[in-house]
């Protein structure tokens, strides 16, 4: 997912008092970026982005190396989340380094994520902020999403994990899980908004390496 803070015409009035209260707090561990290699980003139209990815069954050195590459690729593209198919790999894996609306920074990875149903006992508030995607470079559109999300899955060693988030981080968890099931955020837009996003992409120049579609 692209960092909406790069592109703040979204009308999102972040509560700066809140941001200050969480500023500097990190949930998760900083990755060792000396291990990975940045790979170019696949863009809308590439078949790997438009179908469900394969479930991961081997929790091995190859998987750990993929996660290293994904973190480095995400940082190279200045993103806050990245799914494996965005670097052309057919596997249910995503990584994230994403703030929530309180300024807390969440870092980690999830293998085989499944989005939990929205809790029945929680008020369902929609956040209609802007959303962007590294696979739809330079384009942004408003997309209402629940302001809370939780995913279950596994870590790189096969241990069960559960990650929950609010605000912008909730958007990230939903966005990245969608990727692994073959959906881009523009697939959830109206025809007009989708067309506008693709026009923005056509007119823009990404600041990172992409894979040209044949």
C-alpha atoms as a PDB file:
ATOM      1  CA  UNK A   1       0.000   0.000   0.000  1.00  0.00           C
ATOM      2  CA  UNK A   2       1.185   3.509  -0.771  1.00  0.00           C
ATOM      3  CA  UNK A   3       1.711   5.959   2.077  1.00  0.00           C
ATOM      4  CA  UNK A   4      -1.216   8.363   2.065  1.00  0.00           C
ATOM      5  CA  UNK A   5       0.841  10.752   4.192  1.00  0.00           C
ATOM      6  CA  UNK A   6       2.914  11.360   1.074  1.00  0.00           C
ATOM      7  CA  UNK A   7      -0.202  12.624  -0.573  1.00  0.00           C
ATOM      8  CA  UNK A   8      -2.336  14.532   1.845  1.00  0.00           C
ATOM      9  CA  UNK A   9      -5.078  16.013  -0.255  1.00  0.00           C
ATOM     10  CA  UNK A  10      -7.336  13.394   1.234  1.00  0.00           C
ATOM     11  CA  UNK A  11      -9.135  15.805   3.525  1.00  0.00           C
ATOM     12  CA  UNK A  12      -8.135  13.531   6.389  1.00  0.00           C
ATOM     13  CA  UNK A  13      -7.853  15.626   9.495  1.00  0.00           C
ATOM     14  CA  UNK A  14      -5.481  13.547  11.567  1.00  0.00           C
ATOM     15  CA  UNK A  15      -5.693  14.373  15.236  1.00  0.00           C
ATOM     16  CA  UNK A  16      -2.206  15.669  15.905  1.00  0.00           C
ATOM     17  CA  UNK A  17      -2.622  15.466  19.686  1.00  0.00           C
ATOM     18  CA  UNK A  18      -3.262  11.756  19.209  1.00  0.00           C
ATOM     19  CA  UNK A  19      -0.362  11.382  16.830  1.00  0.00           C
ATOM     20  CA  UNK A  20       1.984  12.919  19.359  1.00  0.00           C
ATOM     21  CA  UNK A  21       0.783  10.557  22.090  1.00  0.00           C
ATOM     22  CA  UNK A  22       1.822   7.490  20.100  1.00  0.00           C
ATOM     23  CA  UNK A  23       4.764   9.029  18.245  1.00  0.00           C
ATOM     24  CA  UNK A  24       7.900   6.944  18.456  1.00  0.00           C
ATOM     25  CA  UNK A  25       6.141   3.807  19.716  1.00  0.00           C
ATOM     26  CA  UNK A  26       6.806   0.682  17.648  1.00  0.00           C
ATOM     27  CA  UNK A  27       4.824  -2.558  17.734  1.00  0.00           C
ATOM     28  CA  UNK A  28       6.949  -5.283  16.145  1.00  0.00           C
ATOM     29  CA  UNK A  29      10.606  -5.514  15.197  1.00  0.00           C
ATOM     30  CA  UNK A  30      12.577  -3.487  12.690  1.00  0.00           C
ATOM     31  CA  UNK A  31      13.677  -5.774   9.842  1.00  0.00           C
ATOM     32  CA  UNK A  32      17.356  -6.253   8.946  1.00  0.00           C
ATOM     33  CA  UNK A  33      17.371  -4.506   5.577  1.00  0.00           C
ATOM     34  CA  UNK A  34      20.968  -5.591   4.883  1.00  0.00           C
ATOM     35  CA  UNK A  35      19.650  -9.066   4.025  1.00  0.00           C
ATOM     36  CA  UNK A  36      17.161  -8.353   1.246  1.00  0.00           C
ATOM     37  CA  UNK A  37      17.218  -7.192  -2.367  1.00  0.00           C
ATOM     38  CA  UNK A  38      14.772  -4.665  -3.791  1.00  0.00           C
ATOM     39  CA  UNK A  39      12.670  -6.102  -6.594  1.00  0.00           C
ATOM     40  CA  UNK A  40      10.572  -4.132  -9.105  1.00  0.00           C
ATOM     41  CA  UNK A  41       6.855  -3.753  -8.428  1.00  0.00           C
ATOM     42  CA  UNK A  42       4.248  -5.473 -10.626  1.00  0.00           C
ATOM     43  CA  UNK A  43       1.453  -3.157 -11.753  1.00  0.00           C
ATOM     44  CA  UNK A  44      -2.254  -3.485 -12.506  1.00  0.00           C
ATOM     45  CA  UNK A  45      -2.781  -5.697 -15.556  1.00  0.00           C
ATOM     46  CA  UNK A  46      -0.118  -8.226 -14.544  1.00  0.00           C
ATOM     47  CA  UNK A  47      -1.941 -11.597 -14.207  1.00  0.00           C
ATOM     48  CA  UNK A  48      -0.302 -12.431 -10.842  1.00  0.00           C
ATOM     49  CA  UNK A  49      -2.196  -9.521  -9.254  1.00  0.00           C
ATOM     50  CA  UNK A  50      -5.612 -10.645 -10.470  1.00  0.00           C
ATOM     51  CA  UNK A  51      -5.881 -14.166  -9.052  1.00  0.00           C
ATOM     52  CA  UNK A  52      -5.721 -15.694  -5.595  1.00  0.00           C
ATOM     53  CA  UNK A  53      -2.181 -16.537  -4.517  1.00  0.00           C
ATOM     54  CA  UNK A  54      -1.018 -19.948  -3.308  1.00  0.00           C
ATOM     55  CA  UNK A  55      -1.161 -20.946   0.347  1.00  0.00           C
ATOM     56  CA  UNK A  56       2.311 -21.163   1.901  1.00  0.00           C
ATOM     57  CA  UNK A  57       3.142 -24.651   3.199  1.00  0.00           C
ATOM     58  CA  UNK A  58       6.966 -24.513   3.495  1.00  0.00           C
ATOM     59  CA  UNK A  59       8.282 -22.371   6.355  1.00  0.00           C
ATOM     60  CA  UNK A  60      11.911 -22.428   5.316  1.00  0.00           C
ATOM     61  CA  UNK A  61      14.935 -20.293   4.454  1.00  0.00           C
ATOM     62  CA  UNK A  62      13.430 -19.473   1.065  1.00  0.00           C
ATOM     63  CA  UNK A  63      10.372 -17.968   2.764  1.00  0.00           C
ATOM     64  CA  UNK A  64      12.552 -15.930   5.139  1.00  0.00           C
ATOM     65  CA  UNK A  65      14.570 -14.641   2.162  1.00  0.00           C
ATOM     66  CA  UNK A  66      11.334 -13.656   0.392  1.00  0.00           C
ATOM     67  CA  UNK A  67      10.229 -11.659   3.443  1.00  0.00           C
ATOM     68  CA  UNK A  68      13.632  -9.913   3.550  1.00  0.00           C
ATOM     69  CA  UNK A  69      13.248  -8.973  -0.132  1.00  0.00           C
ATOM     70  CA  UNK A  70       9.693  -7.791   0.446  1.00  0.00           C
ATOM     71  CA  UNK A  71      10.678  -5.409   3.243  1.00  0.00           C
ATOM     72  CA  UNK A  72      13.514  -3.944   1.177  1.00  0.00           C
ATOM     73  CA  UNK A  73      11.248  -3.655  -1.884  1.00  0.00           C
ATOM     74  CA  UNK A  74       8.543  -1.932   0.188  1.00  0.00           C
ATOM     75  CA  UNK A  75      11.018   0.581   1.600  1.00  0.00           C
ATOM     76  CA  UNK A  76      12.553   1.227  -1.834  1.00  0.00           C
ATOM     77  CA  UNK A  77       9.068   2.107  -3.111  1.00  0.00           C
ATOM     78  CA  UNK A  78       8.317   4.151   0.049  1.00  0.00           C
ATOM     79  CA  UNK A  79       5.257   2.021   0.784  1.00  0.00           C
ATOM     80  CA  UNK A  80       3.665   1.021   4.085  1.00  0.00           C
ATOM     81  CA  UNK A  81       2.597  -2.497   3.043  1.00  0.00           C
ATOM     82  CA  UNK A  82       3.505  -4.997   0.323  1.00  0.00           C
ATOM     83  CA  UNK A  83       2.022  -8.328  -0.783  1.00  0.00           C
ATOM     84  CA  UNK A  84       4.149 -11.048  -2.385  1.00  0.00           C
ATOM     85  CA  UNK A  85       2.339 -10.910  -5.734  1.00  0.00           C
ATOM     86  CA  UNK A  86       3.348  -7.240  -5.978  1.00  0.00           C
ATOM     87  CA  UNK A  87       6.882  -8.476  -6.630  1.00  0.00           C
ATOM     88  CA  UNK A  88       5.598 -11.267  -8.855  1.00  0.00           C
ATOM     89  CA  UNK A  89       5.632 -14.080  -6.269  1.00  0.00           C
ATOM     90  CA  UNK A  90       2.569 -16.345  -6.095  1.00  0.00           C
ATOM     91  CA  UNK A  91       2.385 -16.806  -2.313  1.00  0.00           C
ATOM     92  CA  UNK A  92       0.120 -15.663   0.529  1.00  0.00           C
ATOM     93  CA  UNK A  93       2.559 -13.352   2.300  1.00  0.00           C
ATOM     94  CA  UNK A  94       2.470  -9.667   3.142  1.00  0.00           C
ATOM     95  CA  UNK A  95       4.741  -7.310   5.077  1.00  0.00           C
ATOM     96  CA  UNK A  96       3.933  -3.976   6.653  1.00  0.00           C
ATOM     97  CA  UNK A  97       5.519  -0.967   8.332  1.00  0.00           C
ATOM     98  CA  UNK A  98       2.511   1.237   8.847  1.00  0.00           C
ATOM     99  CA  UNK A  99       1.340   3.864  11.336  1.00  0.00           C
ATOM    100  CA  UNK A 100      -2.100   3.916  12.856  1.00  0.00           C
ATOM    101  CA  UNK A 101      -3.989   7.163  13.406  1.00  0.00           C
ATOM    102  CA  UNK A 102      -2.384   7.557  16.852  1.00  0.00           C
ATOM    103  CA  UNK A 103       1.094   7.575  15.336  1.00  0.00           C
ATOM    104  CA  UNK A 104       2.029   4.092  16.601  1.00  0.00           C
ATOM    105  CA  UNK A 105       4.208   2.309  14.030  1.00  0.00           C
ATOM    106  CA  UNK A 106       3.306  -1.327  13.332  1.00  0.00           C
ATOM    107  CA  UNK A 107       5.940  -3.581  11.702  1.00  0.00           C
ATOM    108  CA  UNK A 108       5.687  -7.232  10.763  1.00  0.00           C
ATOM    109  CA  UNK A 109       4.619  -9.917   8.299  1.00  0.00           C
ATOM    110  CA  UNK A 110       1.690 -12.313   7.984  1.00  0.00           C
ATOM    111  CA  UNK A 111       1.628 -15.619   6.104  1.00  0.00           C
ATOM    112  CA  UNK A 112      -1.705 -17.031   4.861  1.00  0.00           C
ATOM    113  CA  UNK A 113      -3.726 -14.136   6.302  1.00  0.00           C
ATOM    114  CA  UNK A 114      -7.475 -14.392   6.776  1.00  0.00           C
ATOM    115  CA  UNK A 115      -9.500 -11.291   7.593  1.00  0.00           C
ATOM    116  CA  UNK A 116     -11.692 -11.860  10.630  1.00  0.00           C
ATOM    117  CA  UNK A 117     -15.401 -10.994  10.339  1.00  0.00           C
ATOM    118  CA  UNK A 118     -16.092  -7.558  11.759  1.00  0.00           C
ATOM    119  CA  UNK A 119     -16.922  -7.976  15.484  1.00  0.00           C
ATOM    120  CA  UNK A 120     -20.658  -7.811  16.177  1.00  0.00           C
ATOM    121  CA  UNK A 121     -20.092  -5.952  19.458  1.00  0.00           C
ATOM    122  CA  UNK A 122     -18.010  -3.155  17.919  1.00  0.00           C
ATOM    123  CA  UNK A 123     -19.497  -0.001  16.348  1.00  0.00           C
ATOM    124  CA  UNK A 124     -18.944  -0.208  12.589  1.00  0.00           C
ATOM    125  CA  UNK A 125     -17.353   3.094  11.623  1.00  0.00           C
ATOM    126  CA  UNK A 126     -16.261   3.676   8.046  1.00  0.00           C
ATOM    127  CA  UNK A 127     -13.091   5.647   7.337  1.00  0.00           C
ATOM    128  CA  UNK A 128     -13.481   7.288   3.921  1.00  0.00           C
ATOM    129  CA  UNK A 129      -9.834   8.316   3.574  1.00  0.00           C
ATOM    130  CA  UNK A 130      -7.692   8.197   0.480  1.00  0.00           C
ATOM    131  CA  UNK A 131      -6.082   4.954  -0.597  1.00  0.00           C
ATOM    132  CA  UNK A 132      -3.147   4.321  -2.888  1.00  0.00           C
ATOM    133  CA  UNK A 133      -1.329   1.219  -4.074  1.00  0.00           C
ATOM    134  CA  UNK A 134       2.243   0.604  -5.201  1.00  0.00           C
ATOM    135  CA  UNK A 135       0.766  -1.500  -8.044  1.00  0.00           C
ATOM    136  CA  UNK A 136      -1.322   1.470  -9.215  1.00  0.00           C
ATOM    137  CA  UNK A 137       1.492   4.018  -9.004  1.00  0.00           C
ATOM    138  CA  UNK A 138       0.763   7.750  -8.567  1.00  0.00           C
ATOM    139  CA  UNK A 139      -3.014   7.180  -8.257  1.00  0.00           C
ATOM    140  CA  UNK A 140      -5.198   7.789  -5.198  1.00  0.00           C
ATOM    141  CA  UNK A 141      -8.931   7.534  -4.556  1.00  0.00           C
ATOM    142  CA  UNK A 142     -11.269   7.772  -1.608  1.00  0.00           C
ATOM    143  CA  UNK A 143     -12.400   4.329  -0.491  1.00  0.00           C
ATOM    144  CA  UNK A 144     -14.557   3.805   2.608  1.00  0.00           C
ATOM    145  CA  UNK A 145     -13.303   0.919   4.767  1.00  0.00           C
ATOM    146  CA  UNK A 146     -14.048  -0.158   8.351  1.00  0.00           C
ATOM    147  CA  UNK A 147     -11.724   1.660  10.768  1.00  0.00           C
ATOM    148  CA  UNK A 148     -10.920  -1.625  12.555  1.00  0.00           C
ATOM    149  CA  UNK A 149      -9.551  -4.873  11.125  1.00  0.00           C
ATOM    150  CA  UNK A 150      -7.945  -8.056  12.415  1.00  0.00           C
ATOM    151  CA  UNK A 151      -6.191 -10.815  10.506  1.00  0.00           C
ATOM    152  CA  UNK A 152      -5.083 -14.253  11.622  1.00  0.00           C
ATOM    153  CA  UNK A 153      -2.313 -16.228   9.969  1.00  0.00           C
ATOM    154  CA  UNK A 154       1.196 -17.488  10.638  1.00  0.00           C
ATOM    155  CA  UNK A 155       4.687 -16.082  11.014  1.00  0.00           C
ATOM    156  CA  UNK A 156       7.715 -17.202   8.992  1.00  0.00           C
ATOM    157  CA  UNK A 157       8.274 -20.095  11.413  1.00  0.00           C
ATOM    158  CA  UNK A 158       4.693 -21.350  11.067  1.00  0.00           C
ATOM    159  CA  UNK A 159       3.523 -20.069  14.465  1.00  0.00           C
ATOM    160  CA  UNK A 160      -0.033 -18.681  14.651  1.00  0.00           C
ATOM    161  CA  UNK A 161      -0.324 -14.881  14.717  1.00  0.00           C
ATOM    162  CA  UNK A 162      -3.133 -12.389  15.021  1.00  0.00           C
ATOM    163  CA  UNK A 163      -2.709  -8.748  14.070  1.00  0.00           C
ATOM    164  CA  UNK A 164      -5.339  -6.085  14.674  1.00  0.00           C
ATOM    165  CA  UNK A 165      -5.346  -2.443  13.762  1.00  0.00           C
ATOM    166  CA  UNK A 166      -7.372   0.740  13.718  1.00  0.00           C
ATOM    167  CA  UNK A 167      -7.511   3.723  11.378  1.00  0.00           C
ATOM    168  CA  UNK A 168      -4.875   3.824   8.653  1.00  0.00           C
ATOM    169  CA  UNK A 169      -3.316   0.543   9.838  1.00  0.00           C
ATOM    170  CA  UNK A 170      -6.725  -1.182   9.616  1.00  0.00           C
ATOM    171  CA  UNK A 171      -6.901   0.021   6.006  1.00  0.00           C
ATOM    172  CA  UNK A 172      -3.449  -1.439   5.370  1.00  0.00           C
ATOM    173  CA  UNK A 173      -4.378  -4.875   6.773  1.00  0.00           C
ATOM    174  CA  UNK A 174      -7.498  -5.013   4.582  1.00  0.00           C
ATOM    175  CA  UNK A 175      -5.647  -3.740   1.498  1.00  0.00           C
ATOM    176  CA  UNK A 176      -2.798  -6.270   1.753  1.00  0.00           C
ATOM    177  CA  UNK A 177      -5.067  -9.237   2.504  1.00  0.00           C
ATOM    178  CA  UNK A 178      -7.199  -8.270  -0.517  1.00  0.00           C
ATOM    179  CA  UNK A 179      -4.068  -8.404  -2.709  1.00  0.00           C
ATOM    180  CA  UNK A 180      -3.433 -12.038  -1.815  1.00  0.00           C
ATOM    181  CA  UNK A 181      -6.940 -12.982  -2.921  1.00  0.00           C
ATOM    182  CA  UNK A 182      -6.543 -11.251  -6.281  1.00  0.00           C
ATOM    183  CA  UNK A 183      -8.178  -7.884  -5.548  1.00  0.00           C
ATOM    184  CA  UNK A 184      -6.774  -4.379  -5.922  1.00  0.00           C
ATOM    185  CA  UNK A 185      -8.332  -1.425  -4.140  1.00  0.00           C
ATOM    186  CA  UNK A 186      -9.458  -0.008  -7.498  1.00  0.00           C
ATOM    187  CA  UNK A 187     -11.638  -3.121  -7.935  1.00  0.00           C
ATOM    188  CA  UNK A 188     -13.772  -1.794  -5.059  1.00  0.00           C
ATOM    189  CA  UNK A 189     -14.282   1.650  -6.647  1.00  0.00           C
ATOM    190  CA  UNK A 190     -17.150   2.821  -8.818  1.00  0.00           C
ATOM    191  CA  UNK A 191     -16.490   2.560 -12.565  1.00  0.00           C
ATOM    192  CA  UNK A 192     -15.941   6.310 -12.726  1.00  0.00           C
ATOM    193  CA  UNK A 193     -13.487   6.406  -9.812  1.00  0.00           C
ATOM    194  CA  UNK A 194     -11.617   3.377 -11.140  1.00  0.00           C
ATOM    195  CA  UNK A 195     -11.287   5.056 -14.531  1.00  0.00           C
ATOM    196  CA  UNK A 196     -10.018   8.208 -12.829  1.00  0.00           C
ATOM    197  CA  UNK A 197      -7.424   6.240 -10.830  1.00  0.00           C
ATOM    198  CA  UNK A 198      -6.143   4.516 -13.976  1.00  0.00           C
ATOM    199  CA  UNK A 199      -5.954   7.922 -15.685  1.00  0.00           C
ATOM    200  CA  UNK A 200      -3.882   9.280 -12.764  1.00  0.00           C
ATOM    201  CA  UNK A 201      -1.570   6.263 -13.133  1.00  0.00           C
ATOM    202  CA  UNK A 202      -1.228   6.756 -16.902  1.00  0.00           C
ATOM    203  CA  UNK A 203      -0.316  10.401 -16.428  1.00  0.00           C
ATOM    204  CA  UNK A 204       2.077   9.865 -13.518  1.00  0.00           C
ATOM    205  CA  UNK A 205       5.641   8.618 -13.267  1.00  0.00           C
ATOM    206  CA  UNK A 206       6.410   6.204 -10.415  1.00  0.00           C
ATOM    207  CA  UNK A 207       9.427   6.963  -8.229  1.00  0.00           C
ATOM    208  CA  UNK A 208      10.399   3.292  -8.090  1.00  0.00           C
ATOM    209  CA  UNK A 209      11.137   0.416 -10.474  1.00  0.00           C
ATOM    210  CA  UNK A 210       8.101  -1.345 -11.962  1.00  0.00           C
ATOM    211  CA  UNK A 211       7.667  -4.396 -14.195  1.00  0.00           C
ATOM    212  CA  UNK A 212       6.273  -3.368 -17.581  1.00  0.00           C
ATOM    213  CA  UNK A 213       3.200  -5.321 -18.674  1.00  0.00           C
ATOM    214  CA  UNK A 214       3.466  -6.997 -22.075  1.00  0.00           C
END
